[in-house]
């Protein structure tokens, strides 16, 4: 997975979750690394990381896989 892949996934998420939810919850995520099938995102606060994990992790994973990334798991740090 690359920054370009994350960029296309962000665009798809913006359409699927709506502008307000995107700005509040997805935009603050920063792609950190992709190693051994695990994508790690840096988050500004643990609250945001926990909230995104509970509410958007499956949707993010689905979009990443649809974009061609060989992702097994997502972590928010």
N, C-alpha and C. Protein backbone atom coordinates (compact mmCIF):
# COMPACT_ATOMS: atom_id res chain seq x y z
N UNK A 1 0.84 -1.18 0.00
CA UNK A 1 0.00 0.00 0.00
C UNK A 1 0.87 1.24 0.00
N UNK A 2 0.40 2.28 -0.68
CA UNK A 2 1.15 3.53 -0.79
C UNK A 2 0.28 4.71 -0.37
N UNK A 3 0.92 5.86 -0.32
CA UNK A 3 0.17 7.10 -0.06
C UNK A 3 -0.90 7.31 -1.13
N UNK A 4 -0.59 6.94 -2.38
CA UNK A 4 -1.56 7.09 -3.47
C UNK A 4 -2.79 6.22 -3.23
N UNK A 5 -2.55 5.00 -2.76
CA UNK A 5 -3.68 4.12 -2.45
C UNK A 5 -4.53 4.74 -1.36
N UNK A 6 -3.89 5.24 -0.31
CA UNK A 6 -4.63 5.88 0.78
C UNK A 6 -5.39 7.09 0.27
N UNK A 7 -4.80 7.84 -0.64
CA UNK A 7 -5.49 9.00 -1.22
C UNK A 7 -6.76 8.62 -1.94
N UNK A 8 -6.71 7.55 -2.73
CA UNK A 8 -7.92 7.12 -3.44
C UNK A 8 -8.96 6.57 -2.47
N UNK A 9 -8.50 5.90 -1.42
CA UNK A 9 -9.42 5.39 -0.41
C UNK A 9 -10.07 6.55 0.35
N UNK A 10 -9.30 7.58 0.65
CA UNK A 10 -9.86 8.76 1.32
C UNK A 10 -10.98 9.37 0.47
N UNK A 11 -10.74 9.45 -0.82
CA UNK A 11 -11.75 10.02 -1.72
C UNK A 11 -13.03 9.18 -1.69
N UNK A 12 -12.89 7.86 -1.73
CA UNK A 12 -14.06 6.98 -1.67
C UNK A 12 -14.78 7.10 -0.33
N UNK A 13 -14.00 7.21 0.75
CA UNK A 13 -14.61 7.34 2.08
C UNK A 13 -15.36 8.65 2.22
N UNK A 14 -14.82 9.71 1.63
CA UNK A 14 -15.49 11.01 1.70
C UNK A 14 -16.88 10.90 1.09
N UNK A 15 -17.00 10.17 -0.01
CA UNK A 15 -18.30 9.98 -0.64
C UNK A 15 -19.22 9.10 0.21
N UNK A 16 -18.67 8.06 0.82
CA UNK A 16 -19.53 7.11 1.52
C UNK A 16 -19.93 7.55 2.93
N UNK A 17 -19.09 8.33 3.61
CA UNK A 17 -19.44 8.73 4.98
C UNK A 17 -19.98 10.15 5.06
N UNK A 18 -19.83 10.91 4.00
CA UNK A 18 -20.30 12.29 4.01
C UNK A 18 -19.20 13.25 4.44
N UNK A 19 -19.34 14.49 4.01
CA UNK A 19 -18.31 15.50 4.24
C UNK A 19 -18.03 15.75 5.72
N UNK A 20 -19.07 15.94 6.53
CA UNK A 20 -18.86 16.25 7.94
C UNK A 20 -18.16 15.11 8.69
N UNK A 21 -18.62 13.88 8.49
CA UNK A 21 -17.98 12.74 9.15
C UNK A 21 -16.56 12.55 8.65
N UNK A 22 -16.36 12.77 7.36
CA UNK A 22 -15.02 12.64 6.80
C UNK A 22 -14.05 13.63 7.46
N UNK A 23 -14.45 14.88 7.52
CA UNK A 23 -13.57 15.91 8.10
C UNK A 23 -13.30 15.63 9.57
N UNK A 24 -14.31 15.18 10.30
CA UNK A 24 -14.17 14.95 11.73
C UNK A 24 -13.35 13.70 12.04
N UNK A 25 -13.59 12.60 11.32
CA UNK A 25 -13.03 11.31 11.74
C UNK A 25 -11.97 10.73 10.80
N UNK A 26 -12.07 10.93 9.51
CA UNK A 26 -11.15 10.30 8.56
C UNK A 26 -9.97 11.22 8.22
N UNK A 27 -10.25 12.47 8.00
CA UNK A 27 -9.19 13.41 7.62
C UNK A 27 -8.03 13.47 8.62
N UNK A 28 -8.29 13.37 9.93
CA UNK A 28 -7.16 13.42 10.88
C UNK A 28 -6.23 12.20 10.83
N UNK A 29 -6.64 11.11 10.18
CA UNK A 29 -5.79 9.93 10.11
C UNK A 29 -4.59 10.18 9.22
N UNK A 30 -3.43 9.74 9.65
CA UNK A 30 -2.21 9.87 8.86
C UNK A 30 -1.64 8.48 8.61
N UNK A 31 -1.52 8.11 7.33
CA UNK A 31 -0.93 6.84 6.98
C UNK A 31 0.51 6.81 7.49
N UNK A 32 0.84 5.81 8.31
CA UNK A 32 2.18 5.72 8.89
C UNK A 32 3.01 4.64 8.21
N UNK A 33 2.46 3.41 8.13
CA UNK A 33 3.23 2.34 7.51
C UNK A 33 2.33 1.17 7.14
N UNK A 34 2.87 0.35 6.26
CA UNK A 34 2.22 -0.88 5.85
C UNK A 34 3.28 -1.98 5.89
N UNK A 35 3.12 -2.92 6.82
CA UNK A 35 4.09 -3.99 7.00
C UNK A 35 3.36 -5.29 7.27
N UNK A 36 3.73 -6.33 6.53
CA UNK A 36 3.18 -7.67 6.75
C UNK A 36 1.65 -7.70 6.81
N UNK A 37 1.01 -6.97 5.92
CA UNK A 37 -0.44 -6.97 5.85
C UNK A 37 -1.14 -6.08 6.87
N UNK A 38 -0.36 -5.34 7.66
CA UNK A 38 -0.94 -4.46 8.69
C UNK A 38 -0.71 -3.01 8.29
N UNK A 39 -1.80 -2.26 8.19
CA UNK A 39 -1.71 -0.82 7.93
C UNK A 39 -1.83 -0.11 9.26
N UNK A 40 -0.90 0.81 9.51
CA UNK A 40 -0.93 1.58 10.76
C UNK A 40 -1.16 3.04 10.43
N UNK A 41 -2.14 3.62 11.12
CA UNK A 41 -2.43 5.04 10.98
C UNK A 41 -2.11 5.74 12.28
N UNK A 42 -1.53 6.92 12.17
CA UNK A 42 -1.33 7.77 13.35
C UNK A 42 -2.58 8.61 13.52
N UNK A 43 -3.00 8.77 14.77
CA UNK A 43 -4.20 9.55 15.09
C UNK A 43 -3.83 10.62 16.10
N UNK A 44 -4.51 11.77 16.06
CA UNK A 44 -4.15 12.87 16.97
C UNK A 44 -4.47 12.58 18.43
N UNK A 45 -5.51 11.78 18.68
CA UNK A 45 -5.87 11.44 20.06
C UNK A 45 -6.33 9.98 20.10
N UNK A 46 -6.21 9.37 21.27
CA UNK A 46 -6.68 7.99 21.40
C UNK A 46 -8.20 7.93 21.24
N UNK A 47 -8.91 8.99 21.63
CA UNK A 47 -10.36 9.01 21.45
C UNK A 47 -10.72 8.86 19.97
N UNK A 48 -10.07 9.64 19.12
CA UNK A 48 -10.35 9.55 17.68
C UNK A 48 -9.99 8.15 17.17
N UNK A 49 -8.84 7.64 17.56
CA UNK A 49 -8.43 6.31 17.13
C UNK A 49 -9.43 5.24 17.54
N UNK A 50 -9.89 5.30 18.78
CA UNK A 50 -10.87 4.32 19.27
C UNK A 50 -12.20 4.46 18.55
N UNK A 51 -12.64 5.70 18.33
CA UNK A 51 -13.92 5.94 17.68
C UNK A 51 -13.90 5.45 16.23
N UNK A 52 -12.82 5.78 15.53
CA UNK A 52 -12.70 5.34 14.13
C UNK A 52 -12.62 3.81 14.07
N UNK A 53 -11.88 3.20 14.99
CA UNK A 53 -11.77 1.74 15.02
C UNK A 53 -13.14 1.09 15.20
N UNK A 54 -13.94 1.64 16.08
CA UNK A 54 -15.28 1.08 16.34
C UNK A 54 -16.26 1.33 15.19
N UNK A 55 -16.15 2.49 14.57
CA UNK A 55 -17.19 2.89 13.62
C UNK A 55 -16.82 2.82 12.14
N UNK A 56 -15.53 2.90 11.81
CA UNK A 56 -15.14 2.96 10.41
C UNK A 56 -14.07 1.95 10.00
N UNK A 57 -13.53 1.18 10.93
CA UNK A 57 -12.44 0.27 10.59
C UNK A 57 -12.83 -0.70 9.48
N UNK A 58 -13.98 -1.33 9.58
CA UNK A 58 -14.40 -2.29 8.56
C UNK A 58 -14.58 -1.63 7.20
N UNK A 59 -15.14 -0.44 7.22
CA UNK A 59 -15.35 0.28 5.96
C UNK A 59 -14.01 0.70 5.34
N UNK A 60 -13.07 1.16 6.16
CA UNK A 60 -11.74 1.52 5.65
C UNK A 60 -11.06 0.29 5.08
N UNK A 61 -11.13 -0.82 5.80
CA UNK A 61 -10.51 -2.07 5.33
C UNK A 61 -11.11 -2.50 4.00
N UNK A 62 -12.41 -2.43 3.87
CA UNK A 62 -13.09 -2.81 2.62
C UNK A 62 -12.60 -1.95 1.46
N UNK A 63 -12.49 -0.64 1.67
CA UNK A 63 -12.03 0.25 0.61
C UNK A 63 -10.56 0.00 0.27
N UNK A 64 -9.73 -0.29 1.27
CA UNK A 64 -8.32 -0.59 1.00
C UNK A 64 -8.19 -1.84 0.15
N UNK A 65 -8.93 -2.87 0.49
CA UNK A 65 -8.88 -4.11 -0.27
C UNK A 65 -9.40 -3.88 -1.69
N UNK A 66 -10.47 -3.11 -1.82
CA UNK A 66 -11.02 -2.79 -3.15
C UNK A 66 -10.01 -2.01 -4.00
N UNK A 67 -9.16 -1.24 -3.34
CA UNK A 67 -8.15 -0.46 -4.06
C UNK A 67 -6.92 -1.30 -4.40
N UNK A 68 -6.94 -2.58 -4.01
CA UNK A 68 -5.85 -3.46 -4.39
C UNK A 68 -4.79 -3.70 -3.33
N UNK A 69 -4.98 -3.14 -2.13
CA UNK A 69 -4.01 -3.33 -1.06
C UNK A 69 -4.23 -4.70 -0.41
N UNK A 70 -3.15 -5.40 -0.15
CA UNK A 70 -3.22 -6.73 0.48
C UNK A 70 -3.18 -6.55 2.00
N UNK A 71 -4.28 -6.04 2.55
CA UNK A 71 -4.35 -5.67 3.96
C UNK A 71 -5.13 -6.72 4.75
N UNK A 72 -4.58 -7.11 5.90
CA UNK A 72 -5.26 -8.04 6.79
C UNK A 72 -5.83 -7.36 8.02
N UNK A 73 -5.17 -6.27 8.44
CA UNK A 73 -5.55 -5.63 9.70
C UNK A 73 -5.18 -4.14 9.65
N UNK A 74 -5.92 -3.35 10.42
CA UNK A 74 -5.67 -1.92 10.54
C UNK A 74 -5.44 -1.60 12.01
N UNK A 75 -4.44 -0.76 12.27
CA UNK A 75 -4.18 -0.30 13.64
C UNK A 75 -4.19 1.22 13.65
N UNK A 76 -4.65 1.77 14.77
CA UNK A 76 -4.69 3.21 14.95
C UNK A 76 -3.87 3.55 16.19
N UNK A 77 -2.77 4.25 16.00
CA UNK A 77 -1.88 4.61 17.12
C UNK A 77 -1.84 6.11 17.32
